[in-house]
Protein backbone atom coordinates (compact mmCIF):
# COMPACT_ATOMS: atom_id res chain seq x y z
CA MET A 1 15.98 -107.68 91.48
CA SER A 2 14.94 -107.76 95.16
CA ILE A 3 12.79 -110.65 96.37
CA SER A 4 9.36 -110.63 98.08
CA LYS A 5 8.93 -110.38 101.85
CA GLU A 6 7.67 -113.96 101.92
CA ASP A 7 10.74 -115.22 100.07
CA GLU A 8 12.97 -113.17 102.34
CA LEU A 9 11.53 -114.86 105.44
CA ILE A 10 12.03 -118.29 103.85
CA GLU A 11 15.64 -117.42 103.01
CA LYS A 12 16.33 -116.16 106.54
CA LYS A 13 14.99 -119.39 108.02
CA HIS A 14 17.05 -121.45 105.58
CA LEU A 15 20.19 -119.51 106.49
CA LYS A 16 19.53 -120.15 110.17
CA ASP A 17 19.01 -123.89 109.56
CA VAL A 18 22.20 -124.17 107.49
CA SER A 19 24.18 -122.24 110.11
CA LEU A 20 23.03 -124.62 112.84
CA VAL A 21 24.09 -127.68 110.82
CA LEU A 22 27.40 -126.02 109.98
CA ASP A 23 28.14 -125.10 113.60
CA LYS A 24 27.28 -128.64 114.73
CA GLN A 25 29.58 -130.22 112.14
CA ILE A 26 32.44 -127.88 113.00
CA LYS A 27 32.20 -128.83 116.68
CA GLU A 28 31.85 -132.56 116.00
CA LEU A 29 34.64 -132.62 113.41
CA GLY A 30 36.95 -130.57 115.64
CA SER A 31 36.36 -132.95 118.52
CA ALA A 32 36.89 -136.02 116.30
CA VAL A 33 40.15 -134.65 114.93
CA ARG A 34 41.48 -134.02 118.45
CA ILE A 35 40.47 -137.47 119.71
CA ASN A 36 41.77 -139.27 116.62
CA SER A 37 45.07 -137.39 116.84
CA LEU A 38 45.55 -138.34 120.52
CA ASP A 39 44.65 -141.97 119.79
CA LEU A 40 47.16 -142.05 116.94
CA VAL A 41 49.92 -140.66 119.18
CA GLU A 42 49.16 -143.32 121.81
CA PHE A 43 49.14 -146.09 119.22
CA LYS A 44 52.52 -144.96 117.83
CA LYS A 45 53.96 -144.95 121.37
CA LEU A 46 52.64 -148.47 121.97
CA VAL A 47 54.13 -149.77 118.73
CA TRP A 48 57.49 -148.14 119.50
CA GLN A 49 57.64 -149.46 123.08
CA ASP A 50 56.67 -153.01 122.10
CA SER A 51 58.53 -153.16 118.80
CA SER A 52 60.93 -155.79 120.15
CA SER A 53 58.05 -158.23 120.56
CA PHE A 54 56.82 -157.75 116.96
CA ASP A 55 58.19 -159.55 113.95
CA SER A 56 59.01 -157.55 110.79
CA GLY A 57 55.64 -158.33 109.19
CA ASP A 58 53.74 -156.98 112.22
CA ILE A 59 55.82 -153.78 112.17
CA VAL A 60 55.13 -153.22 108.47
CA GLN A 61 51.40 -153.78 109.03
CA ALA A 62 51.35 -151.44 112.03
CA LYS A 63 53.13 -148.73 110.05
CA ALA A 64 50.67 -149.10 107.18
CA SER A 65 47.75 -148.77 109.61
CA THR A 66 49.18 -145.61 111.18
CA ASP A 67 49.83 -144.10 107.74
CA VAL A 68 46.21 -144.72 106.72
CA GLU A 69 44.87 -143.27 109.95
CA GLU A 70 47.21 -140.27 109.72
CA ASN A 71 45.98 -139.56 106.20
CA ARG A 72 42.35 -139.76 107.38
CA ILE A 73 43.08 -137.21 110.11
CA ILE A 74 44.79 -134.90 107.60
CA GLN A 75 41.74 -135.07 105.31
CA LYS A 76 39.42 -134.32 108.24
CA GLU A 77 41.57 -131.36 109.27
CA LYS A 78 41.53 -130.05 105.70
CA TYR A 79 37.74 -130.28 105.53
CA LEU A 80 37.44 -128.65 108.96
CA ARG A 81 39.47 -125.68 107.68
CA LYS A 82 37.10 -125.38 104.73
CA LEU A 83 34.08 -125.34 107.04
CA LEU A 84 35.68 -122.73 109.28
CA ARG A 85 36.22 -120.51 106.23
CA ILE A 86 32.48 -120.43 105.44
CA GLU A 87 31.40 -120.00 109.06
CA GLY A 88 29.23 -116.89 109.15
CA LYS A 89 28.98 -116.80 105.35
CA PRO A 90 27.96 -120.34 104.34
CA TYR A 91 26.87 -119.76 100.74
CA PHE A 92 26.73 -117.05 98.08
CA ALA A 93 24.20 -118.24 95.49
CA SER A 94 21.45 -120.72 94.72
CA ILE A 95 19.66 -122.11 91.70
CA ILE A 96 16.43 -123.99 91.17
CA TYR A 97 16.85 -126.74 88.59
CA LYS A 98 14.31 -129.18 87.15
CA ASP A 99 15.59 -132.20 85.27
CA ASN A 100 13.51 -133.09 82.20
CA LEU A 101 13.14 -136.64 83.52
CA GLU A 102 12.15 -135.67 87.05
CA GLU A 103 8.97 -134.11 88.47
CA GLU A 104 10.48 -132.26 91.42
CA ASN A 105 12.47 -129.05 91.37
CA GLU A 106 15.92 -129.23 92.97
CA VAL A 107 17.16 -126.27 95.01
CA ILE A 108 20.97 -126.02 94.95
CA TYR A 109 22.78 -123.75 97.40
CA ILE A 110 26.31 -122.94 96.21
CA SER A 111 29.33 -122.48 98.47
CA THR A 112 33.12 -122.76 98.34
CA THR A 113 32.81 -126.27 99.81
CA TYR A 114 30.18 -128.95 100.35
CA LEU A 115 28.07 -129.65 103.43
CA LYS A 116 25.84 -132.65 104.17
CA ASP A 117 23.34 -133.29 106.93
CA GLU A 118 23.26 -136.33 109.22
CA ASN A 119 21.27 -138.26 106.59
CA ASP A 120 23.98 -137.60 103.97
CA ASN A 121 21.77 -135.16 102.04
CA ASN A 122 23.48 -132.25 100.29
CA ILE A 123 22.86 -128.95 102.01
CA LEU A 124 25.61 -127.00 100.26
CA TYR A 125 27.24 -127.79 96.93
CA ASP A 126 30.84 -126.97 96.08
CA TRP A 127 30.91 -124.34 93.29
CA ARG A 128 33.11 -126.70 91.26
CA SER A 129 30.56 -129.54 91.19
CA PRO A 130 29.06 -130.17 87.72
CA ILE A 131 25.53 -129.00 88.51
CA CYS A 132 26.80 -125.65 89.82
CA SER A 133 28.12 -124.81 86.35
CA LEU A 134 24.48 -123.92 85.53
CA PHE A 135 24.78 -120.84 87.73
CA TYR A 136 27.69 -119.54 85.65
CA ASP A 137 26.74 -120.73 82.17
CA TYR A 138 23.00 -120.16 81.76
CA GLU A 139 20.25 -117.61 82.07
CA VAL A 140 16.83 -118.80 83.30
CA GLY A 141 15.48 -121.30 80.75
CA PRO A 142 16.68 -124.50 79.03
CA CYS A 143 20.05 -125.74 80.28
CA SER A 144 22.32 -128.76 80.51
CA PHE A 145 25.42 -129.92 82.33
CA CYS A 146 27.82 -132.85 82.09
CA ALA A 147 28.62 -135.03 85.09
CA PRO A 148 30.25 -138.45 85.54
CA GLY A 149 26.81 -140.02 84.96
CA GLY A 150 26.44 -138.37 81.56
CA LYS A 151 24.73 -135.29 80.17
CA PHE A 152 21.69 -133.92 82.01
CA GLU A 153 19.17 -131.58 80.43
CA GLY A 154 16.48 -129.53 82.10
CA GLN A 155 15.20 -126.09 83.00
CA LEU A 156 16.92 -123.47 85.12
CA LYS A 157 14.01 -121.99 87.05
CA ARG A 158 15.83 -119.40 89.15
CA LYS A 159 19.22 -117.84 89.87
CA ARG A 160 19.69 -116.10 93.20
CA GLN A 161 22.63 -114.32 94.83
CA TYR A 162 23.20 -113.55 98.49
CA LYS A 163 25.23 -111.20 100.57
CA ILE A 164 25.68 -112.72 104.03
CA GLU A 165 27.70 -111.35 106.94
CA ASP A 166 27.98 -113.12 110.33
CA ASN A 167 25.01 -115.35 109.46
CA TYR A 168 22.88 -112.28 108.75
CA LEU A 169 21.17 -111.93 105.38
CA VAL A 170 22.29 -108.50 104.17
CA GLY A 171 20.89 -108.79 100.65
CA VAL A 172 19.19 -111.20 98.25
CA PHE A 173 18.90 -110.72 94.49
CA ASP A 174 17.22 -112.64 91.70
CA ASN A 175 18.86 -111.80 88.38
CA SER A 176 20.79 -112.87 85.32
CA LEU A 177 24.44 -112.62 86.29
CA ASN A 178 26.28 -109.86 84.46
CA ILE A 179 28.73 -107.15 85.31
CA ASP A 180 26.01 -104.52 85.73
CA ASP A 181 24.27 -106.37 88.55
CA ASP A 182 23.79 -104.36 91.73
CA LEU A 183 25.26 -107.12 93.89
CA LEU A 184 28.36 -107.50 91.75
CA GLN A 185 28.97 -103.76 91.71
CA GLU A 186 28.61 -103.67 95.48
CA ILE A 187 31.08 -106.54 95.93
CA LEU A 188 33.61 -104.95 93.61
CA ALA A 189 33.24 -101.59 95.31
CA THR A 190 34.07 -103.02 98.74
CA SER A 191 36.76 -105.59 97.88
CA SER A 192 39.79 -103.34 97.47
CA SER A 193 42.73 -104.96 99.20
CA ASP A 194 46.46 -105.43 99.04
CA ARG A 195 45.71 -109.04 98.12
CA MET A 196 43.53 -110.60 95.49
CA LYS A 197 40.30 -112.30 96.58
CA ASN A 198 38.32 -115.17 95.12
CA ILE A 199 35.57 -114.38 92.59
CA VAL A 200 33.38 -117.49 92.88
CA ASN A 201 30.25 -115.38 93.24
CA THR A 202 31.01 -113.26 90.15
CA ILE A 203 32.54 -115.68 87.62
CA GLN A 204 31.25 -114.88 84.16
CA GLN A 205 30.26 -117.33 81.44
CA GLU A 206 33.32 -116.84 79.22
CA GLN A 207 35.60 -117.11 82.26
CA ASN A 208 33.84 -120.28 83.40
CA LYS A 209 34.57 -121.98 80.08
CA VAL A 210 38.28 -121.56 80.75
CA ILE A 211 38.05 -122.53 84.42
CA ARG A 212 36.14 -125.79 83.81
CA ASN A 213 37.83 -126.94 80.61
CA LEU A 214 38.87 -130.59 80.94
CA GLU A 215 38.82 -131.52 77.25
CA ASP A 216 42.07 -129.87 76.16
CA LYS A 217 45.56 -130.70 77.44
CA ASN A 218 46.77 -127.10 77.13
CA LEU A 219 44.90 -123.79 77.19
CA ILE A 220 46.29 -120.58 75.69
CA VAL A 221 44.21 -117.59 76.75
CA GLN A 222 44.40 -114.13 75.22
CA GLY A 223 42.43 -111.81 77.47
CA ILE A 224 41.96 -108.08 77.12
CA ALA A 225 42.74 -105.76 80.02
CA GLY A 226 40.26 -106.25 82.85
CA SER A 227 39.03 -109.67 81.69
CA GLY A 228 40.14 -111.31 84.94
CA LYS A 229 42.91 -113.52 83.55
CA THR A 230 44.77 -113.99 86.84
CA SER A 231 41.60 -114.76 88.77
CA VAL A 232 40.56 -117.22 86.07
CA ALA A 233 43.94 -118.96 86.34
CA LEU A 234 43.67 -119.38 90.12
CA HIS A 235 40.06 -120.57 90.00
CA ARG A 236 41.02 -123.03 87.28
CA ILE A 237 43.69 -124.43 89.60
CA ALA A 238 41.08 -124.87 92.34
CA PHE A 239 38.74 -126.57 89.86
CA LEU A 240 41.43 -128.97 88.63
CA LEU A 241 42.35 -129.89 92.21
CA TYR A 242 38.69 -130.71 92.81
CA ARG A 243 38.07 -132.68 89.62
CA LEU A 244 41.34 -134.46 88.77
CA GLU A 245 42.17 -137.56 90.76
CA HIS A 246 45.71 -137.84 92.15
CA LEU A 247 46.36 -134.12 91.61
CA ASN A 248 47.46 -132.09 94.62
CA SER A 249 48.89 -128.62 95.19
CA ASN A 250 52.48 -129.91 94.99
CA ASN A 251 51.83 -131.08 91.42
CA ILE A 252 51.06 -127.54 90.22
CA LEU A 253 53.55 -124.78 89.46
CA ILE A 254 52.69 -121.14 88.82
CA PHE A 255 55.14 -118.91 86.97
CA SER A 256 54.52 -115.42 88.36
CA PRO A 257 55.93 -112.10 87.08
CA ASN A 258 57.74 -111.47 90.39
CA ASN A 259 57.71 -112.38 94.07
CA ILE A 260 55.57 -109.38 95.05
CA PHE A 261 52.86 -110.59 92.70
CA THR A 262 53.15 -114.05 94.23
CA ASP A 263 52.34 -112.55 97.63
CA TYR A 264 49.48 -110.56 96.09
CA ILE A 265 47.65 -113.70 94.88
CA SER A 266 48.47 -115.83 97.93
CA ASN A 267 45.01 -115.53 99.53
CA VAL A 268 42.90 -116.87 96.67
CA LEU A 269 43.45 -120.63 96.83
CA PRO A 270 43.18 -120.81 100.65
CA GLU A 271 39.91 -118.87 100.38
CA LEU A 272 38.72 -121.58 98.00
CA GLY A 273 39.71 -124.30 100.46
CA GLU A 274 42.90 -125.39 98.69
CA ASP A 275 46.56 -125.22 99.67
CA ASN A 276 48.75 -122.78 97.79
CA THR A 277 50.68 -124.34 94.94
CA LEU A 278 54.37 -124.22 94.12
CA GLU A 279 55.32 -120.83 92.69
CA THR A 280 58.40 -119.43 91.03
CA THR A 281 59.57 -116.77 88.62
CA PHE A 282 61.33 -117.75 85.44
CA ASN A 283 64.40 -115.88 86.65
CA ASP A 284 64.52 -117.87 89.90
CA TYR A 285 64.23 -121.08 87.93
CA ILE A 286 67.09 -120.43 85.54
CA SER A 287 69.25 -119.01 88.34
CA PHE A 288 69.00 -122.41 90.00
CA PHE A 289 69.83 -124.19 86.71
CA ILE A 290 72.87 -122.02 85.94
CA ASP A 291 75.64 -122.72 88.45
CA GLU A 292 78.42 -121.31 86.25
CA TYR A 293 77.56 -117.77 87.40
CA ASP A 294 76.80 -116.12 90.74
CA GLY A 295 73.31 -115.20 89.54
CA VAL A 296 71.11 -113.99 86.68
CA GLU A 297 69.75 -110.46 86.30
CA ASN A 298 66.01 -110.15 87.03
CA PHE A 299 63.40 -109.10 84.49
CA SER A 300 62.77 -105.65 85.99
CA ASP A 301 66.45 -104.66 85.85
CA PHE A 302 66.60 -106.01 82.31
CA ILE A 303 63.73 -103.72 81.27
CA SER A 304 65.26 -100.66 82.94
CA ARG A 305 68.51 -101.12 81.01
CA TYR A 306 66.67 -100.40 77.76
CA TYR A 307 66.45 -96.72 78.66
CA SER A 308 70.19 -96.32 79.26
CA TYR A 309 71.61 -98.13 76.24
CA GLU A 310 72.91 -96.76 72.99
CA GLU A 311 71.21 -97.94 69.81
CA SER A 312 73.99 -100.40 68.89
CA HIS A 313 73.67 -102.18 72.23
CA ILE A 314 69.88 -102.24 71.96
CA GLN A 315 70.22 -104.01 68.61
CA LEU A 316 72.43 -106.67 70.22
CA VAL A 317 69.92 -107.29 73.00
CA LYS A 318 67.07 -107.43 70.48
CA TYR A 319 68.99 -110.08 68.55
CA LYS A 320 69.55 -112.06 71.75
CA GLN A 321 65.80 -111.87 72.47
CA SER A 322 64.70 -112.67 68.93
CA ASP A 323 63.25 -115.85 67.44
CA GLU A 324 66.02 -115.71 64.82
CA ILE A 325 68.80 -116.44 67.31
CA ILE A 326 67.10 -119.71 68.29
CA ASP A 327 67.62 -121.04 64.76
CA ASP A 328 71.18 -119.71 64.77
CA ILE A 329 72.04 -121.46 68.05
CA ASP A 330 70.37 -124.67 66.85
CA ALA A 331 72.50 -124.61 63.70
CA TYR A 332 75.64 -123.87 65.71
CA LEU A 333 75.01 -126.66 68.22
CA LYS A 334 74.19 -129.14 65.47
CA PHE A 335 77.53 -128.29 63.83
CA TYR A 336 79.34 -128.45 67.17
CA VAL A 337 77.90 -131.86 68.12
CA THR A 338 78.43 -133.34 64.64
CA HIS A 339 82.09 -132.31 64.63
CA SER A 340 82.78 -133.39 68.21
CA ARG A 341 85.05 -136.43 67.99
CA PHE A 342 87.61 -138.54 69.75
CA VAL A 343 90.88 -137.88 67.97
CA LYS A 344 93.05 -140.51 69.65
CA ASP A 345 92.78 -143.83 71.43
CA LEU A 346 91.97 -144.04 75.13
CA LYS A 347 94.51 -145.81 77.32
CA GLU A 348 93.69 -146.25 80.99
CA ARG A 349 96.18 -149.15 81.51
CA ASP A 350 98.29 -151.23 79.15
CA ASP A 351 95.44 -153.74 78.89
CA HIS A 352 92.64 -151.10 79.02
CA ILE A 353 92.74 -149.54 75.55
CA VAL A 354 89.81 -148.33 73.42
CA THR A 355 90.39 -147.09 69.89
CA SER A 356 89.12 -143.70 68.72
CA GLU A 357 86.97 -145.54 66.13
CA GLU A 358 85.23 -147.48 68.91
CA LEU A 359 84.75 -144.31 70.95
CA ASN A 360 83.30 -142.39 68.02
CA HIS A 361 80.89 -145.24 67.29
CA LEU A 362 79.61 -144.97 70.85
CA LEU A 363 79.45 -141.18 70.60
CA HIS A 364 77.65 -140.83 67.28
CA TYR A 365 75.67 -144.06 66.96
CA LYS A 366 75.01 -145.98 70.15
CA TYR A 367 74.22 -142.92 72.29
CA ASP A 368 73.29 -140.43 69.56
CA LYS A 369 69.77 -139.85 70.99
CA LEU A 370 71.23 -138.28 74.14
CA PRO A 371 72.59 -134.73 74.58
CA LEU A 372 76.30 -134.57 73.80
CA LEU A 373 77.62 -134.34 77.36
CA GLU A 374 75.21 -137.02 78.58
CA ARG A 375 76.74 -139.31 75.94
CA ILE A 376 80.14 -138.76 77.56
CA ASP A 377 78.71 -139.77 80.94
CA GLU A 378 77.24 -142.94 79.43
CA ILE A 379 80.47 -143.86 77.64
CA SER A 380 82.48 -143.28 80.85
CA GLU A 381 80.13 -145.49 82.81
CA LYS A 382 80.19 -148.21 80.16
CA LEU A 383 84.00 -148.32 79.92
CA CYS A 384 84.47 -148.22 83.67
CA SER A 385 81.95 -151.04 84.14
CA ASN A 386 83.49 -153.14 81.37
CA PHE A 387 87.06 -152.88 82.64
CA TYR A 388 86.28 -153.14 86.38
CA LYS A 389 83.59 -155.84 86.46
CA GLY A 390 80.66 -153.52 87.05
CA SER A 391 82.37 -151.20 89.51
CA LEU A 392 82.05 -147.44 88.85
CA LYS A 393 84.70 -146.28 91.32
CA LYS A 394 86.97 -144.98 88.56
CA ILE A 395 84.30 -143.27 86.46
CA LYS A 396 85.85 -139.81 87.03
CA THR A 397 89.14 -141.13 85.66
CA PHE A 398 87.44 -142.26 82.46
CA LYS A 399 85.67 -138.92 82.04
CA LYS A 400 89.02 -137.16 82.33
CA LEU A 401 90.65 -139.52 79.84
CA LEU A 402 87.78 -139.16 77.35
CA LYS A 403 88.13 -135.38 77.44
CA GLU A 404 91.90 -135.67 76.83
CA CYS A 405 91.23 -137.87 73.79
CA SER A 406 88.66 -135.54 72.21
CA ASN A 407 88.24 -132.19 70.49
CA TYR A 408 85.08 -131.17 72.40
CA SER A 409 84.79 -128.96 75.48
CA ASP A 410 82.49 -129.47 78.46
CA ASP A 411 82.86 -125.81 79.45
CA ILE A 412 79.47 -124.27 78.55
CA LYS A 413 80.85 -120.73 79.01
CA GLU A 414 83.49 -121.34 76.36
CA ILE A 415 80.99 -122.95 73.99
CA TYR A 416 78.68 -119.96 74.50
CA ARG A 417 81.54 -117.53 73.88
CA HIS A 418 82.49 -119.36 70.69
CA PHE A 419 78.96 -119.04 69.28
CA PHE A 420 79.32 -115.24 69.11
CA MET A 421 82.68 -115.66 67.38
CA SER A 422 81.31 -118.16 64.84
CA LYS A 423 79.74 -117.76 61.39
CA PHE A 424 76.36 -118.71 62.89
CA CYS A 425 76.02 -115.46 64.86
CA LYS A 426 74.24 -112.84 62.73
CA ILE A 427 75.81 -109.86 64.51
CA LYS A 428 79.56 -109.42 64.22
CA LEU A 429 81.14 -108.59 67.57
CA ASP A 430 84.71 -107.88 68.64
CA GLN A 431 86.40 -110.05 71.24
CA LYS A 432 86.24 -107.35 73.91
CA THR A 433 82.45 -107.03 73.60
CA ILE A 434 81.95 -110.80 73.74
CA ASP A 435 84.19 -111.14 76.80
CA SER A 436 82.34 -108.28 78.51
CA PHE A 437 79.06 -110.23 78.76
CA VAL A 438 80.44 -113.80 78.96
CA ASP A 439 82.94 -113.13 81.76
CA LYS A 440 80.63 -111.19 84.10
CA LYS A 441 80.00 -112.66 87.55
CA GLU A 442 76.25 -112.17 87.13
CA LEU A 443 74.76 -113.14 83.79
CA SER A 444 72.47 -110.64 82.09
CA TYR A 445 68.80 -111.61 81.68
CA GLU A 446 69.00 -112.03 77.91
CA ASP A 447 72.21 -114.07 78.13
CA GLY A 448 70.66 -116.15 80.91
CA LEU A 449 67.93 -117.38 78.55
CA LEU A 450 70.39 -118.28 75.78
CA PHE A 451 72.88 -119.86 78.18
CA THR A 452 70.11 -121.98 79.77
CA TYR A 453 68.97 -123.18 76.36
CA MET A 454 72.49 -124.03 75.20
CA LYS A 455 73.32 -125.84 78.45
CA GLY A 456 70.06 -127.76 78.26
CA ILE A 457 70.70 -128.89 74.68
CA LEU A 458 74.24 -130.02 75.51
CA LYS A 459 73.72 -131.50 78.97
CA GLY A 460 69.98 -132.15 79.10
CA PHE A 461 67.18 -130.15 80.70
CA THR A 462 66.18 -131.05 84.24
CA TYR A 463 62.93 -132.99 83.89
CA GLU A 464 60.34 -132.14 86.55
CA ALA A 465 58.19 -135.29 86.60
CA ASN A 466 56.31 -134.26 89.75
CA ILE A 467 54.75 -131.21 88.05
CA LYS A 468 51.52 -132.13 86.26
CA GLN A 469 50.04 -128.66 85.71
CA VAL A 470 51.89 -125.43 84.86
CA VAL A 471 50.25 -122.00 84.90
CA ILE A 472 51.99 -119.07 83.22
CA ASP A 473 50.61 -115.61 83.96
CA GLU A 474 51.49 -112.43 82.03
CA ALA A 475 52.33 -114.67 79.08
CA GLN A 476 53.03 -111.72 76.76
CA ASP A 477 56.28 -110.95 78.60
CA TYR A 478 57.87 -114.33 77.80
CA ASN A 479 59.62 -114.82 74.49
CA LYS A 480 59.53 -117.90 72.30
CA LEU A 481 62.78 -119.31 73.70
CA GLN A 482 61.40 -119.22 77.25
CA TYR A 483 58.39 -121.25 76.16
CA ILE A 484 60.63 -123.77 74.41
CA ILE A 485 62.72 -124.15 77.59
CA ILE A 486 59.64 -124.52 79.78
CA SER A 487 58.11 -127.11 77.44
CA LYS A 488 61.31 -129.19 77.62
CA ILE A 489 61.54 -129.03 81.42
CA PHE A 490 57.87 -129.90 81.98
CA LYS A 491 57.40 -132.14 78.96
CA LYS A 492 54.64 -134.28 80.53
CA ALA A 493 52.69 -131.42 82.14
CA SER A 494 49.54 -129.65 80.97
CA PHE A 495 49.69 -125.86 80.57
CA THR A 496 47.37 -122.94 81.20
CA ILE A 497 48.95 -119.85 79.63
CA LEU A 498 47.28 -116.45 80.04
CA GLY A 499 48.25 -113.02 78.79
CA ASP A 500 47.45 -110.00 76.66
CA ILE A 501 49.81 -109.05 73.83
CA ASN A 502 48.65 -105.43 74.19
CA GLN A 503 50.03 -105.24 77.74
CA ASN A 504 53.56 -106.31 76.85
CA ILE A 505 56.27 -104.50 78.85
CA ASN A 506 59.29 -106.13 77.18
CA PRO A 507 60.64 -103.48 74.77
CA TYR A 508 62.78 -106.04 72.96
CA TYR A 509 60.16 -108.64 72.08
CA HIS A 510 56.52 -108.65 70.96
CA HIS A 511 54.17 -111.52 70.14
CA LYS A 512 52.00 -111.09 67.06
CA SER A 513 49.52 -113.50 68.65
CA LEU A 514 49.59 -115.91 71.58
CA LYS A 515 47.99 -118.37 69.17
CA ASP A 516 51.51 -118.94 67.81
CA LEU A 517 52.25 -120.87 71.01
CA GLU A 518 50.16 -123.74 69.66
CA LYS A 519 53.25 -124.66 67.60
CA ILE A 520 55.18 -125.27 70.84
CA PHE A 521 52.41 -126.74 72.99
CA ILE A 522 50.63 -129.39 70.95
CA ASP A 523 47.06 -130.41 71.74
CA SER A 524 46.23 -126.83 72.70
CA LYS A 525 43.08 -124.74 72.56
CA TYR A 526 43.33 -121.00 71.96
CA ILE A 527 40.67 -118.95 73.75
CA GLU A 528 39.98 -115.22 73.80
CA LEU A 529 38.42 -113.34 76.71
CA LEU A 530 36.91 -110.30 75.05
CA LYS A 531 34.86 -108.70 77.82
CA THR A 532 36.32 -106.26 80.33
CA TYR A 533 34.92 -105.92 83.83
CA ARG A 534 36.62 -102.62 84.62
CA SER A 535 33.38 -100.71 84.73
CA SER A 536 33.65 -98.74 87.94
CA PRO A 537 36.15 -96.37 89.58
CA GLN A 538 36.89 -99.08 92.15
CA ILE A 539 37.85 -101.59 89.46
CA ILE A 540 40.04 -99.07 87.68
CA GLU A 541 41.79 -98.30 90.99
CA TYR A 542 42.29 -102.04 91.60
CA THR A 543 43.64 -102.53 88.06
CA ASN A 544 46.13 -99.70 88.40
CA LYS A 545 47.32 -101.18 91.67
CA LYS A 546 47.91 -104.56 90.00
CA GLU A 547 49.82 -102.97 87.11
CA GLU A 548 52.03 -101.11 89.60
CA ILE A 549 52.82 -104.45 91.27
CA LEU A 550 53.76 -106.00 87.92
CA LEU A 551 56.23 -103.21 87.23
CA ILE A 552 57.94 -103.37 90.61
């Protein structure tokens, strides 16, 4: 709904006033950053030149001071970049809110960052601030929001949206935000690009509940086609970076379908004033973990093979992708570990002898909580330390001797090969077939998953303690084993998992429901996004473009 001429004049004046404050702060902050940076360089030079006259305590104190000042400059530079991003388009919406305990109405202008005047009064509010949730969650009328000070209840008097270009007010609308709004349709119709853009001015209520969720450790989101799952994931990352203390972009990892898709979404977080996070594909991750092969086949090539295989081979791949094989490998590895033993005494020197009974006690009792091959490392270290007064110089010798005294193998390729020859494998294969996929230079995609799991169980999964948040997009194309592997690698992290089981492109594996992932990721909330926003030719064109990218 268009506004009155009187309101339009008020809004134009307000835009001009905000633009003046913004321009002033950009100039002042830019100047301060330059001066502070030059001062810091001079101070570092002074400390370096006069370091001989300082004692160690003075040097430590000087270094601490420079680190603090350097961090302050970095924060100023980061805020300056945020202000430069909204220059010419300082805000996109506003609300009028009246708290039930207050007499005055509060006008809130919403932007992708905050802005204060010289008296420290809020001129612009970051869209992620608690009060701005009213814009996304409520129609005009009774409302409430939660902030660090508690729950606040009141009345939402007005919701207004703006289209601003180069500090010129192109359009103003008062409405209840929904996909049929004129402004939203106009934005969608003109936002076609080779890269995804932020959607802060069009976030819908059901999307906002996912973005702002802080109550649940893990979120599992089933969203129908066109429900904005990827955008929701990226805006959730921006929200978490804003709200969670001690969380930065290097603590977040996104699993993307492929590297082209990674490039496609690369604009969103910078547009929201945040640095891009760490990103990887599952294939890249396991290729790094598996050093026994030259590489691992990517997901796209794996899919294309389906159309060239005979039925018998398809059945083998389906078995390798199935949930059933996880139980079979678990049973096999349990048997393998239980029956791994030291069959003779270890003799490193005439006076350095350890009986097989002592070794087996260490293997199956003292270190039984560790993966099998980690136990061997611990035993080697213990024996070496005991016999050489704490020195570990001969630890490789003890590892070699332990292997010679045992019936186990530390060759994961041979252990993997033996699984398909054992009674635990449900499909009977001849030796030639087994050798054909075990002895390849590049491991197939389906074998890569199984090999990674087996290696992780026997040697331990690499624990990524630095990663606190993991986002998995296109969740329907990951099988159960992949989720188990990911949960073991990032065992302390929180997860946001988004997908649509109806858009699965893996012909070998299908989820009945993403809700089943709650069994793997405890303390999870399952959410469904049931509304599609593909309601114009432009959106359909954008959607088709995204799906083409996913299939590349």
